[in-house]
Amino acid sequence: MATRAPFLKTRYSGYLHRQVPQEDTELTHVGPETPCGEYMRRFWNPVCFSDELTDLPKRVRILGEDLVVFRDRSGAVGLLELHCPHRGTSLEFGLVGDKGIRCCYHGWLFGVDGAILETPGEPADSTLKDRLFHGAYPIHEAMGMVFAYMGPPAEMPQFPVYDSLIRPGYRVIPGRKYFYPCNWLQIQDNTMDPAHTAFLHTIVSGAMFTEEFGVLPELDFLETPIGMIYVATRRVGDNCWARMVETVLPNLQQVAPIWENGRQEHAFSGPMMSRWLVPMDDTNTMFIELRHVSETDGETPAWWANREEMLPGQIAADSYEEGQRRPGDFEAQVSQRPIAVHGLEHLSETDRGISMFRRQIRRGIRAVRDGNDPAGVVREAGAVIPTYCNNTVIHMPPAATEAMDKKMMRDAGLRLARNYLKAPPLQMAAE
């Protein structure tokens, strides 16, 4: 756990905060042999989009490891350690061939599984290539993305199939990929922080989504079998709008449609986006997203099906001054320091979801330490995993008093969420 800075109880007491506590390394460090790094290696993580693989190899950094990803001419995808085992030349300058990738320096050829296929210049009777392998990781290609499993080979799980990604009437398309120069956790924490959508994205910087987001919601947080959801309920006229955004452990966000305004009644909507926050290292994170696009005309805004269009409020402002005047997620999260210091935080009632999420990650880390599967790892082949992200709008006229209305909305949101957990709507629709 993080060490705690002293609570300041008098005015002008900044002198007492000269010593900044260390970051919470159990949750924030992701390299090999670190607790969180070994935990995250038990899951499949995206590496890049499939269409990024051309006739040239691509250098990537994932979980503190420098790697090269490529597609050879047979169509097979490889993810290999970056440096050639012969003399250390980077394979980002390698030659992609009919099978595998060849080092530009001395021509050693490596298959997608790390097999050394050729060692030009060695004697004809050399057994070097038969005795050695180059470091490689298993790959799974799906939905226009390349995923990798970087954990212990004997512990490799099934590739997860979430019901939100195969729901009838929707197609899933690659979206945007971008990067934040900060730790993954302070970005993923934001998933379970619904209060910021009212303040940061509406009250402070103007309505980045819809005006109705400016109402501070009634909040609850529930664990799911694979992560957690927040339940944010808002009053919109005679309607109660229940918004549920989801974390799928360890680092997948599912976000409900941001074009919702709560003015039309409707049932469970499902997500508009599934986005992985992949740690490149302790202080750099890759965002890589899939977009959910309805095949029914008008149900999804046209701009969301255009991969070039960016979700509002996500990347750095065009200038420092603009960032000060209209900050977004980038400014709010990156400015927490390269690694946020939990020992300086003062978590409050609205931060219950952040505390819950961090506890889930600690449980997963300790499960791995104790030789067990963490929550969210899939062992059953062919299983379709329920998810719960959605907007729901129900007709519910206001109660007699504000206090009674807030309780009524909160109860309604919780009732909906618990019913969804008992009978996942996307599973029911597919049956």
Protein backbone atom coordinates (compact mmCIF):
# COMPACT_ATOMS: atom_id res chain seq x y z
CA MET A 1 0.00 0.00 0.00
CA ALA A 2 1.04 3.60 -0.54
CA THR A 3 2.58 5.57 2.31
CA ARG A 4 0.51 8.53 3.48
CA ALA A 5 1.52 12.19 3.52
CA PRO A 6 0.36 14.09 6.62
CA PHE A 7 -3.14 15.57 6.55
CA LEU A 8 -2.90 19.36 6.63
CA LYS A 9 -5.13 20.91 9.28
CA THR A 10 -4.01 24.55 9.32
CA ARG A 11 -3.72 27.35 6.78
CA TYR A 12 -0.45 27.99 4.93
CA SER A 13 0.96 24.58 5.84
CA GLY A 14 2.57 23.62 2.54
CA TYR A 15 5.91 23.30 4.34
CA LEU A 16 4.61 20.07 5.87
CA HIS A 17 4.22 18.49 2.43
CA ARG A 18 7.81 18.78 1.29
CA GLN A 19 8.27 15.00 1.43
CA VAL A 20 6.28 13.39 -1.39
CA PRO A 21 5.46 9.72 -0.69
CA GLN A 22 6.54 7.01 -3.10
CA GLU A 23 4.00 5.85 -5.66
CA ASP A 24 2.03 2.67 -5.04
CA THR A 25 4.45 0.36 -6.86
CA GLU A 26 2.34 -2.77 -6.34
CA LEU A 27 -0.29 -1.30 -8.68
CA THR A 28 1.74 0.95 -10.97
CA HIS A 29 4.91 -0.88 -12.00
CA VAL A 30 4.34 -3.21 -14.96
CA GLY A 31 7.74 -4.53 -16.06
CA PRO A 32 8.84 -8.17 -15.87
CA GLU A 33 8.92 -9.60 -12.34
CA THR A 34 6.82 -6.76 -10.87
CA PRO A 35 3.56 -7.73 -9.09
CA CYS A 36 1.26 -5.83 -11.45
CA GLY A 37 3.36 -6.69 -14.49
CA GLU A 38 3.07 -10.40 -13.82
CA TYR A 39 -0.67 -10.00 -13.19
CA MET A 40 -1.27 -8.17 -16.47
CA ARG A 41 0.73 -10.78 -18.35
CA ARG A 42 -1.97 -13.36 -17.51
CA PHE A 43 -4.34 -11.64 -19.97
CA TRP A 44 -4.42 -11.10 -23.73
CA ASN A 45 -3.46 -7.49 -24.53
CA PRO A 46 -3.74 -5.59 -27.84
CA VAL A 47 -0.46 -4.73 -29.51
CA CYS A 48 -1.61 -2.86 -32.63
CA PHE A 49 -4.28 -2.74 -35.31
CA SER A 50 -4.05 -5.39 -38.00
CA ASP A 51 -3.92 -2.79 -40.77
CA GLU A 52 -0.77 -1.28 -39.27
CA LEU A 53 1.18 -4.34 -40.42
CA THR A 54 2.49 -3.60 -43.89
CA ASP A 55 5.61 -4.84 -45.64
CA LEU A 56 7.70 -3.24 -42.88
CA PRO A 57 8.08 -4.47 -39.30
CA LYS A 58 6.74 -2.32 -36.47
CA ARG A 59 8.54 -1.58 -33.21
CA VAL A 60 6.32 -1.62 -30.11
CA ARG A 61 6.79 -1.35 -26.36
CA ILE A 62 4.39 -3.35 -24.18
CA LEU A 63 4.63 -3.90 -20.41
CA GLY A 64 8.17 -2.55 -20.33
CA GLU A 65 9.42 -4.86 -23.10
CA ASP A 66 10.76 -3.70 -26.47
CA LEU A 67 9.35 -5.89 -29.23
CA VAL A 68 8.84 -6.06 -32.97
CA VAL A 69 5.56 -7.08 -34.62
CA PHE A 70 5.24 -8.03 -38.29
CA ARG A 71 3.17 -9.99 -40.78
CA ASP A 72 5.16 -12.24 -43.09
CA ARG A 73 4.14 -12.88 -46.68
CA SER A 74 2.32 -16.07 -45.73
CA GLY A 75 0.01 -13.93 -43.57
CA ALA A 76 1.34 -15.12 -40.21
CA VAL A 77 1.90 -12.49 -37.51
CA GLY A 78 4.89 -12.57 -35.20
CA LEU A 79 5.72 -10.69 -32.00
CA LEU A 80 9.41 -11.09 -31.21
CA GLU A 81 11.98 -9.61 -28.87
CA LEU A 82 13.31 -6.52 -30.57
CA HIS A 83 17.02 -7.33 -30.63
CA CYS A 84 18.53 -10.07 -32.75
CA PRO A 85 20.10 -12.76 -30.52
CA HIS A 86 23.19 -12.85 -32.76
CA ARG A 87 24.66 -9.37 -32.30
CA GLY A 88 21.77 -7.31 -30.96
CA THR A 89 20.67 -5.39 -34.07
CA SER A 90 17.07 -4.20 -33.87
CA LEU A 91 14.66 -6.26 -35.92
CA GLU A 92 12.64 -3.12 -36.68
CA PHE A 93 15.16 -2.86 -39.56
CA GLY A 94 14.63 -6.49 -40.53
CA LEU A 95 13.38 -7.82 -43.84
CA VAL A 96 9.92 -9.36 -43.81
CA GLY A 97 9.97 -12.50 -45.93
CA ASP A 98 7.80 -15.34 -47.14
CA LYS A 99 8.30 -16.93 -43.74
CA GLY A 100 9.38 -14.86 -40.78
CA ILE A 101 11.71 -11.89 -40.50
CA ARG A 102 15.42 -11.69 -41.42
CA CYS A 103 17.91 -9.55 -39.50
CA CYS A 104 19.42 -6.89 -41.74
CA TYR A 105 22.91 -7.28 -40.21
CA HIS A 106 23.88 -10.90 -40.89
CA GLY A 107 20.71 -12.41 -42.33
CA TRP A 108 19.57 -14.66 -39.51
CA LEU A 109 15.94 -15.62 -40.21
CA PHE A 110 13.34 -16.00 -37.46
CA GLY A 111 9.89 -17.58 -37.66
CA VAL A 112 6.85 -16.08 -35.98
CA ASP A 113 7.25 -18.60 -33.14
CA GLY A 114 10.88 -17.64 -32.50
CA ALA A 115 12.38 -20.59 -34.37
CA ILE A 116 15.73 -19.75 -35.98
CA LEU A 117 15.20 -20.88 -39.57
CA GLU A 118 18.49 -19.83 -41.14
CA THR A 119 21.93 -18.66 -39.96
CA PRO A 120 23.77 -17.60 -43.15
CA GLY A 121 27.54 -17.73 -42.86
CA GLU A 122 27.57 -20.60 -40.38
CA PRO A 123 29.13 -23.92 -41.47
CA ALA A 124 26.80 -26.26 -43.29
CA ASP A 125 26.90 -28.74 -40.40
CA SER A 126 26.19 -26.08 -37.75
CA THR A 127 23.44 -27.05 -35.29
CA LEU A 128 23.20 -23.56 -33.82
CA LYS A 129 19.78 -22.86 -35.31
CA ASP A 130 18.49 -26.21 -34.07
CA ARG A 131 19.57 -25.57 -30.50
CA LEU A 132 18.40 -21.97 -30.02
CA PHE A 133 15.16 -20.01 -30.21
CA HIS A 134 14.53 -16.29 -30.24
CA GLY A 135 12.03 -14.82 -27.76
CA ALA A 136 8.49 -14.73 -29.19
CA TYR A 137 4.95 -14.41 -27.85
CA PRO A 138 1.68 -16.07 -28.95
CA ILE A 139 -0.58 -13.90 -31.12
CA HIS A 140 -4.34 -13.88 -31.67
CA GLU A 141 -5.84 -11.72 -34.40
CA ALA A 142 -9.47 -10.65 -34.03
CA MET A 143 -11.74 -7.70 -34.86
CA GLY A 144 -8.98 -5.88 -36.73
CA MET A 145 -6.55 -6.06 -33.79
CA VAL A 146 -3.45 -8.06 -32.96
CA PHE A 147 -3.47 -9.38 -29.38
CA ALA A 148 -0.56 -10.97 -27.52
CA TYR A 149 -0.23 -13.22 -24.50
CA MET A 150 3.00 -12.40 -22.66
CA GLY A 151 2.63 -14.56 -19.56
CA PRO A 152 3.91 -18.03 -18.60
CA PRO A 153 3.31 -20.38 -21.54
CA ALA A 154 1.75 -23.07 -19.34
CA GLU A 155 -0.82 -20.56 -18.01
CA MET A 156 -2.07 -19.22 -21.37
CA PRO A 157 -5.85 -18.68 -21.15
CA GLN A 158 -8.51 -18.87 -23.82
CA PHE A 159 -8.94 -15.71 -25.87
CA PRO A 160 -11.96 -13.92 -24.32
CA VAL A 161 -15.14 -13.46 -26.36
CA TYR A 162 -17.32 -10.72 -24.84
CA ASP A 163 -20.99 -10.62 -25.77
CA SER A 164 -20.77 -6.89 -26.52
CA LEU A 165 -18.34 -7.59 -29.37
CA ILE A 166 -20.57 -10.11 -31.16
CA ARG A 167 -24.05 -8.67 -30.56
CA PRO A 168 -26.57 -8.94 -33.41
CA GLY A 169 -27.29 -5.75 -35.32
CA TYR A 170 -23.89 -4.18 -34.65
CA ARG A 171 -20.51 -4.28 -36.28
CA VAL A 172 -17.26 -3.63 -34.45
CA ILE A 173 -14.67 -1.51 -36.25
CA PRO A 174 -11.16 -0.34 -35.32
CA GLY A 175 -11.15 3.18 -33.95
CA ARG A 176 -8.29 5.39 -32.82
CA LYS A 177 -4.95 4.67 -31.17
CA TYR A 178 -3.09 7.31 -29.17
CA PHE A 179 -0.78 7.69 -26.20
CA TYR A 180 -0.61 9.38 -22.79
CA PRO A 181 2.75 10.06 -21.07
CA CYS A 182 1.63 8.74 -17.69
CA ASN A 183 0.93 5.55 -15.77
CA TRP A 184 -1.88 3.27 -16.90
CA LEU A 185 -3.64 3.18 -13.53
CA GLN A 186 -4.55 6.86 -13.28
CA ILE A 187 -6.19 6.53 -16.70
CA GLN A 188 -8.06 3.34 -15.85
CA ASP A 189 -9.11 4.87 -12.50
CA ASN A 190 -10.94 7.49 -14.55
CA THR A 191 -13.27 4.79 -15.90
CA MET A 192 -14.79 4.47 -12.44
CA ASP A 193 -15.05 8.24 -11.87
CA PRO A 194 -18.47 9.28 -13.25
CA ALA A 195 -18.46 12.59 -11.36
CA HIS A 196 -15.80 13.94 -13.71
CA THR A 197 -18.14 13.72 -16.71
CA ALA A 198 -20.38 16.34 -15.10
CA PHE A 199 -17.60 18.66 -14.00
CA LEU A 200 -14.63 18.32 -16.36
CA HIS A 201 -16.55 17.46 -19.54
CA THR A 202 -19.52 19.78 -19.07
CA ILE A 203 -19.41 22.44 -16.36
CA VAL A 204 -15.73 23.43 -16.79
CA SER A 205 -15.02 22.95 -20.48
CA GLY A 206 -18.49 23.24 -21.97
CA ALA A 207 -20.62 20.31 -23.08
CA MET A 208 -18.18 17.92 -24.77
CA PHE A 209 -20.96 15.30 -24.89
CA THR A 210 -24.55 16.44 -24.20
CA GLU A 211 -25.76 19.17 -21.85
CA GLU A 212 -27.50 16.60 -19.66
CA PHE A 213 -24.12 15.26 -18.52
CA GLY A 214 -23.80 18.48 -16.49
CA VAL A 215 -26.15 17.11 -13.82
CA LEU A 216 -24.16 15.51 -11.00
CA PRO A 217 -25.51 11.94 -10.85
CA GLU A 218 -26.50 9.73 -7.96
CA LEU A 219 -23.77 7.10 -7.74
CA ASP A 220 -23.37 3.42 -7.01
CA PHE A 221 -20.72 0.87 -7.90
CA LEU A 222 -21.16 -2.88 -8.33
CA GLU A 223 -18.69 -5.69 -8.91
CA THR A 224 -19.29 -8.03 -11.83
CA PRO A 225 -17.77 -11.49 -12.40
CA ILE A 226 -15.13 -9.89 -14.65
CA GLY A 227 -14.72 -6.39 -13.19
CA MET A 228 -17.14 -3.67 -12.13
CA ILE A 229 -19.63 -1.03 -13.29
CA TYR A 230 -20.62 2.36 -12.06
CA VAL A 231 -24.30 3.23 -11.94
CA ALA A 232 -24.89 6.97 -12.46
CA THR A 233 -28.54 8.05 -12.41
CA ARG A 234 -29.75 11.49 -13.49
CA ARG A 235 -33.09 13.24 -13.54
CA VAL A 236 -34.11 14.42 -17.05
CA GLY A 237 -37.64 15.82 -16.84
CA ASP A 238 -40.00 12.93 -16.11
CA ASN A 239 -37.30 10.40 -16.99
CA CYS A 240 -34.61 8.65 -14.99
CA TRP A 241 -31.44 8.07 -17.00
CA ALA A 242 -29.24 5.27 -15.66
CA ARG A 243 -25.75 5.18 -17.16
CA MET A 244 -23.46 2.20 -16.57
CA VAL A 245 -19.83 2.25 -17.68
CA GLU A 246 -17.74 -0.87 -17.24
CA THR A 247 -14.23 -1.95 -16.36
CA VAL A 248 -13.33 -5.44 -17.57
CA LEU A 249 -10.27 -6.57 -15.67
CA PRO A 250 -7.58 -5.59 -15.90
CA ASN A 251 -7.52 -2.77 -18.47
CA LEU A 252 -10.55 -2.79 -20.77
CA GLN A 253 -13.07 0.06 -20.64
CA GLN A 254 -16.55 -0.29 -22.09
CA VAL A 255 -18.18 3.13 -22.49
CA ALA A 256 -21.90 3.76 -22.95
CA PRO A 257 -22.95 6.12 -25.78
CA ILE A 258 -22.01 9.74 -25.07
CA TRP A 259 -24.73 11.11 -27.37
CA GLU A 260 -27.35 10.07 -24.81
CA ASN A 261 -29.52 12.88 -23.36
CA GLY A 262 -32.02 10.86 -21.35
CA ARG A 263 -35.05 12.38 -23.06
CA GLN A 264 -36.36 9.27 -24.84
CA GLU A 265 -37.26 6.10 -22.98
CA HIS A 266 -35.34 3.03 -24.09
CA ALA A 267 -34.03 -0.25 -22.77
CA PHE A 268 -30.43 -1.46 -22.32
CA SER A 269 -28.29 0.13 -25.05
CA GLY A 270 -24.93 -1.65 -24.81
CA PRO A 271 -21.59 0.14 -25.28
CA MET A 272 -20.44 2.50 -28.00
CA MET A 273 -16.76 1.69 -27.43
CA SER A 274 -14.44 -0.99 -26.07
CA ARG A 275 -11.04 0.51 -25.33
CA TRP A 276 -7.92 -1.09 -23.90
CA LEU A 277 -5.43 0.99 -21.90
CA VAL A 278 -2.22 -0.93 -22.49
CA PRO A 279 0.80 -0.02 -20.36
CA MET A 280 3.84 0.50 -22.55
CA ASP A 281 5.91 0.96 -19.40
CA ASP A 282 5.45 2.62 -16.01
CA THR A 283 4.99 6.13 -17.43
CA ASN A 284 3.51 5.63 -20.91
CA THR A 285 0.15 4.16 -21.93
CA MET A 286 -1.38 3.23 -25.29
CA PHE A 287 -5.12 3.71 -25.90
CA ILE A 288 -6.49 1.38 -28.58
CA GLU A 289 -10.21 1.19 -29.30
CA LEU A 290 -12.96 -0.71 -31.04
CA ARG A 291 -16.14 1.15 -31.96
CA HIS A 292 -19.62 -0.34 -31.91
CA VAL A 293 -21.66 0.80 -34.90
CA SER A 294 -25.33 -0.03 -35.33
CA GLU A 295 -26.49 -1.45 -38.65
CA THR A 296 -29.79 0.42 -38.16
CA ASP A 297 -29.71 3.82 -39.88
CA GLY A 298 -29.60 6.76 -37.50
CA GLU A 299 -28.99 4.77 -34.32
CA THR A 300 -25.28 5.55 -34.29
CA PRO A 301 -24.10 9.05 -35.32
CA ALA A 302 -22.33 9.00 -38.68
CA TRP A 303 -19.18 10.59 -37.23
CA TRP A 304 -18.65 7.63 -34.89
CA ALA A 305 -18.31 5.27 -37.86
CA ASN A 306 -15.58 7.52 -39.29
CA ARG A 307 -12.29 6.29 -37.89
CA GLU A 308 -10.66 9.67 -38.47
CA GLU A 309 -13.07 11.39 -36.08
CA MET A 310 -11.88 11.67 -32.48
CA LEU A 311 -13.93 11.24 -29.33
CA PRO A 312 -14.18 14.73 -27.74
CA GLY A 313 -12.00 15.70 -24.79
CA GLN A 314 -9.47 12.88 -25.08
CA ILE A 315 -6.20 14.24 -26.44
CA ALA A 316 -4.05 17.22 -25.52
CA ALA A 317 -5.37 20.67 -26.40
CA ASP A 318 -3.81 22.48 -29.35
CA SER A 319 -1.96 24.86 -27.05
CA TYR A 320 -1.07 25.17 -23.37
CA GLU A 321 -3.45 28.11 -22.96
CA GLU A 322 -6.31 26.22 -24.60
CA GLY A 323 -5.61 23.33 -22.25
CA GLN A 324 -5.89 25.69 -19.29
CA ARG A 325 -9.15 27.21 -20.56
CA ARG A 326 -10.82 23.96 -21.69
CA PRO A 327 -9.02 21.03 -20.07
CA GLY A 328 -9.99 17.48 -20.97
CA ASP A 329 -9.03 13.98 -19.87
CA PHE A 330 -5.46 14.40 -21.10
CA GLU A 331 -4.78 17.45 -18.95
CA ALA A 332 -6.60 16.04 -15.91
CA GLN A 333 -4.88 12.66 -15.96
CA VAL A 334 -1.38 13.42 -17.26
CA SER A 335 -1.01 16.36 -14.85
CA GLN A 336 -1.37 14.00 -11.88
CA ARG A 337 2.40 13.35 -12.34
CA PRO A 338 3.94 10.64 -14.56
CA ILE A 339 2.82 8.23 -11.82
CA ALA A 340 0.05 9.51 -9.53
CA VAL A 341 0.95 9.50 -5.83
CA HIS A 342 -1.88 7.85 -3.92
CA GLY A 343 -0.39 8.93 -0.62
CA LEU A 344 -1.31 12.54 -1.46
CA GLU A 345 -4.92 11.79 -2.41
CA HIS A 346 -7.95 12.51 -0.26
CA LEU A 347 -10.51 10.09 -1.67
CA SER A 348 -14.12 11.00 -0.94
CA GLU A 349 -17.62 9.57 -1.28
CA THR A 350 -17.65 9.99 -5.07
CA ASP A 351 -14.39 8.00 -5.28
CA ARG A 352 -15.84 4.73 -3.98
CA GLY A 353 -15.47 3.21 -7.44
CA ILE A 354 -11.79 4.05 -7.63
CA SER A 355 -11.16 2.39 -4.27
CA MET A 356 -13.15 -0.66 -5.37
CA PHE A 357 -11.24 -0.94 -8.65
CA ARG A 358 -7.85 -0.72 -6.91
CA ARG A 359 -8.91 -3.45 -4.49
CA GLN A 360 -9.85 -5.65 -7.45
CA ILE A 361 -6.40 -5.17 -9.00
CA ARG A 362 -4.73 -6.02 -5.67
CA ARG A 363 -6.83 -9.18 -5.43
CA GLY A 364 -5.76 -10.16 -8.93
CA ILE A 365 -2.10 -9.50 -8.16
CA ARG A 366 -2.29 -11.63 -5.04
CA ALA A 367 -4.14 -14.42 -6.85
CA VAL A 368 -1.24 -14.65 -9.32
CA ARG A 369 1.27 -14.52 -6.48
CA ASP A 370 -0.52 -17.43 -4.81
CA GLY A 371 -0.60 -19.52 -7.99
CA ASN A 372 -4.27 -18.95 -8.84
CA ASP A 373 -6.12 -17.48 -11.82
CA PRO A 374 -7.14 -13.85 -11.32
CA ALA A 375 -10.75 -12.84 -11.97
CA GLY A 376 -11.41 -12.33 -15.68
CA VAL A 377 -9.09 -15.05 -16.99
CA VAL A 378 -11.03 -17.36 -19.32
CA ARG A 379 -10.47 -21.12 -19.25
CA GLU A 380 -13.63 -22.41 -20.94
CA ALA A 381 -13.23 -22.74 -24.69
CA GLY A 382 -16.08 -21.16 -26.65
CA ALA A 383 -17.52 -19.31 -23.65
CA VAL A 384 -19.28 -16.01 -24.39
CA ILE A 385 -18.72 -13.64 -21.48
CA PRO A 386 -21.54 -11.33 -20.31
CA THR A 387 -20.93 -7.57 -20.12
CA TYR A 388 -23.05 -4.81 -18.67
CA CYS A 389 -22.16 -1.39 -20.11
CA ASN A 390 -25.23 0.61 -21.23
CA ASN A 391 -27.58 3.56 -20.98
CA THR A 392 -31.17 2.89 -19.91
CA VAL A 393 -33.90 5.54 -19.74
CA ILE A 394 -37.14 4.87 -17.88
CA HIS A 395 -40.24 7.03 -17.30
CA MET A 396 -40.27 7.99 -13.63
CA PRO A 397 -41.84 11.34 -12.62
CA PRO A 398 -40.10 13.20 -9.79
CA ALA A 399 -40.82 12.43 -6.15
CA ALA A 400 -42.30 15.01 -3.78
CA THR A 401 -38.96 16.28 -2.45
CA GLU A 402 -35.43 16.49 -3.82
CA ALA A 403 -34.11 14.08 -1.19
CA MET A 404 -36.85 11.56 -1.93
CA ASP A 405 -36.21 11.93 -5.67
CA LYS A 406 -32.50 11.29 -5.32
CA LYS A 407 -33.17 8.14 -3.31
CA MET A 408 -35.80 7.00 -5.81
CA MET A 409 -33.39 7.49 -8.73
CA ARG A 410 -30.55 5.72 -6.95
CA ASP A 411 -32.82 2.80 -6.07
CA ALA A 412 -34.03 2.61 -9.69
CA GLY A 413 -30.47 2.56 -11.05
CA LEU A 414 -29.41 -0.14 -8.60
CA ARG A 415 -32.49 -2.22 -9.39
CA LEU A 416 -31.76 -2.06 -13.11
CA ALA A 417 -28.09 -2.91 -12.62
CA ARG A 418 -28.79 -5.87 -10.35
CA ASN A 419 -31.37 -7.22 -12.77
CA TYR A 420 -28.83 -6.93 -15.59
CA LEU A 421 -26.28 -8.85 -13.52
CA LYS A 422 -28.83 -11.62 -12.94
CA ALA A 423 -29.97 -11.74 -16.58
CA PRO A 424 -27.35 -10.12 -18.90
CA PRO A 425 -29.37 -8.43 -21.67
CA LEU A 426 -26.92 -9.13 -24.50
CA GLN A 427 -26.86 -12.81 -23.59
CA MET A 428 -30.66 -12.91 -23.47
CA ALA A 429 -30.94 -11.18 -26.85
CA ALA A 430 -28.63 -13.73 -28.47
CA GLU A 431 -30.61 -16.74 -27.21
